[in-house]
Protein backbone atom coordinates (compact mmCIF):
# COMPACT_ATOMS: atom_id res chain seq x y z
CA MET A 1 -2.74 -7.78 27.47
CA ASP A 2 -3.42 -11.16 25.90
CA ARG A 3 -1.55 -12.54 22.91
CA PRO A 4 -4.12 -11.72 20.14
CA GLN A 5 -4.32 -8.09 21.25
CA ARG A 6 -0.52 -7.86 21.53
CA ASN A 7 -0.16 -9.27 18.00
CA TYR A 8 -2.79 -6.81 16.77
CA MET A 9 -0.94 -3.87 18.32
CA ILE A 10 2.39 -4.95 16.80
CA ARG A 11 0.80 -5.44 13.37
CA THR A 12 -1.00 -2.10 13.58
CA LEU A 13 2.18 -0.26 14.53
CA ALA A 14 4.07 -1.93 11.67
CA PHE A 15 1.45 -1.24 9.00
CA MET A 16 0.58 2.27 10.12
CA GLY A 17 4.27 3.12 10.58
CA GLY A 18 4.86 2.34 6.91
CA TYR A 19 1.68 4.18 5.95
CA LEU A 20 2.77 7.28 7.86
CA ALA A 21 6.32 7.18 6.50
CA VAL A 22 5.18 7.09 2.87
CA ASN A 23 2.53 9.76 3.39
CA ILE A 24 4.86 12.07 5.29
CA ALA A 25 7.38 11.70 2.48
CA ALA A 26 4.63 12.53 -0.04
CA ILE A 27 3.48 15.57 1.95
CA THR A 28 7.02 16.90 2.14
CA GLY A 29 7.41 16.60 -1.64
CA ALA A 30 9.54 13.48 -1.97
CA PHE A 31 7.37 12.16 -4.80
CA ASP A 32 6.37 15.40 -6.54
CA ASP A 33 8.17 14.53 -9.78
CA LEU A 34 6.84 10.97 -9.95
CA ARG A 35 5.01 10.14 -13.20
CA GLY A 36 3.76 7.12 -15.09
CA ALA A 37 4.51 3.69 -13.66
CA GLY A 38 6.23 5.21 -10.61
CA ALA A 39 3.09 7.11 -9.65
CA TRP A 40 1.03 3.94 -10.06
CA ALA A 41 3.52 2.03 -7.91
CA LEU A 42 3.36 4.74 -5.23
CA GLY A 43 -0.43 4.47 -5.13
CA LEU A 44 -0.16 0.73 -4.60
CA VAL A 45 2.58 1.11 -1.98
CA VAL A 46 0.38 3.48 0.03
CA ALA A 47 -2.60 1.12 -0.32
CA ALA A 48 -0.65 -1.93 0.89
CA PRO A 49 -0.64 -0.92 4.60
CA VAL A 50 -4.38 -0.23 4.36
CA ALA A 51 -4.94 -3.81 3.22
CA GLY A 52 -2.49 -4.94 5.90
CA GLN A 53 -4.43 -3.16 8.63
CA ILE A 54 -7.66 -4.78 7.52
CA TRP A 55 -5.87 -8.14 7.56
CA ALA A 56 -4.57 -7.36 11.07
CA THR A 57 -8.12 -6.74 12.27
CA LEU A 58 -9.34 -9.97 10.69
CA ALA A 59 -6.38 -11.82 12.25
CA LEU A 60 -7.36 -10.38 15.64
CA MET A 61 -10.81 -11.87 15.17
CA ARG A 62 -9.36 -15.22 14.11
CA GLU A 63 -6.98 -15.41 17.08
CA SER A 64 -9.40 -14.17 19.75
CA ASP A 65 -12.04 -15.94 21.80
CA GLU A 66 -15.67 -16.06 20.68
CA TYR A 67 -16.69 -12.96 22.59
CA VAL A 68 -13.96 -10.68 21.20
CA ARG A 69 -14.42 -12.21 17.74
CA GLY A 70 -18.16 -11.54 17.72
CA LEU A 71 -17.84 -8.07 19.18
CA THR A 72 -15.11 -7.02 16.76
CA ALA A 73 -17.00 -8.51 13.82
CA LYS A 74 -20.17 -6.63 14.75
CA ARG A 75 -18.27 -3.36 15.07
CA PHE A 76 -16.45 -4.03 11.79
CA ILE A 77 -19.71 -4.71 9.94
CA ILE A 78 -21.51 -1.67 11.36
CA ALA A 79 -18.55 0.64 10.64
CA SER A 80 -18.25 -0.75 7.10
CA GLY A 81 -21.93 -0.25 6.41
CA LEU A 82 -21.92 3.30 7.75
CA ALA A 83 -18.78 4.22 5.80
CA MET A 84 -20.22 2.79 2.56
CA ALA A 85 -23.58 4.51 3.10
CA VAL A 86 -22.07 7.92 3.86
CA PHE A 87 -19.49 7.72 1.07
CA SER A 88 -22.11 6.56 -1.45
CA ALA A 89 -24.43 9.39 -0.41
CA TRP A 90 -21.59 11.86 -0.88
CA GLY A 91 -20.86 10.37 -4.31
CA TYR A 92 -24.47 10.95 -5.32
CA LEU A 93 -24.25 14.50 -3.98
CA GLU A 94 -21.17 15.01 -6.16
CA SER A 95 -23.06 13.69 -9.19
CA TYR A 96 -26.37 15.48 -8.68
CA ALA A 97 -25.74 18.49 -6.44
CA GLN A 98 -22.19 19.47 -7.48
CA ALA A 99 -20.82 18.78 -3.99
CA PRO A 100 -17.04 19.06 -3.80
CA HIS A 101 -15.09 15.94 -4.74
CA VAL A 102 -13.77 13.72 -1.97
CA PRO A 103 -10.99 11.25 -2.90
CA GLY A 104 -11.89 7.56 -2.79
CA TRP A 105 -9.33 6.75 -0.10
CA PHE A 106 -11.41 8.79 2.35
CA VAL A 107 -13.77 5.83 2.79
CA TYR A 108 -10.98 4.17 4.81
CA VAL A 109 -10.79 7.19 7.10
CA LEU A 110 -14.57 7.12 7.50
CA PHE A 111 -14.51 3.41 8.32
CA TRP A 112 -12.04 3.81 11.19
CA ALA A 113 -13.77 6.98 12.43
CA PHE A 114 -17.08 5.11 12.58
CA PHE A 115 -15.38 2.09 14.16
CA GLY A 116 -14.00 4.32 16.91
CA VAL A 117 -17.28 6.15 17.47
CA ILE A 118 -19.48 3.05 17.66
CA ALA A 119 -17.08 0.83 19.66
CA PRO A 120 -18.12 2.18 23.09
CA PHE A 121 -21.79 1.68 22.22
CA VAL A 122 -21.57 -1.80 20.68
CA ARG A 123 -20.84 -3.84 23.78
CA THR A 124 -22.45 -7.15 22.87
CA SER A 125 -22.12 -9.50 19.92
CA ARG A 126 -25.89 -9.99 19.74
């Protein structure tokens, strides 16, 4: 494994470890009584590893050779576009067809799901 990919893996484990720890604590009820500023702070604490993971992916692109950079960028752009399109469509369905509400953070889940699904098919940076 080359250095950029090793750095990416370490960063991913660090950010997603924190993300999992906070969410597991939330699921088990550790923050059930949180109100006001504490609840706002918790929301930002959970969002921080999400931003960190996006930074880790961008750092991978910055540290990699042209091929990996182009390939990762193409996958990132396609996954972002698909996630925004699907989440926007669902938002319109919520507004006009009374579809059940989906929380905004789900767009992040969609992004990585699309990234994983398209990665094997996007094999060139062209």
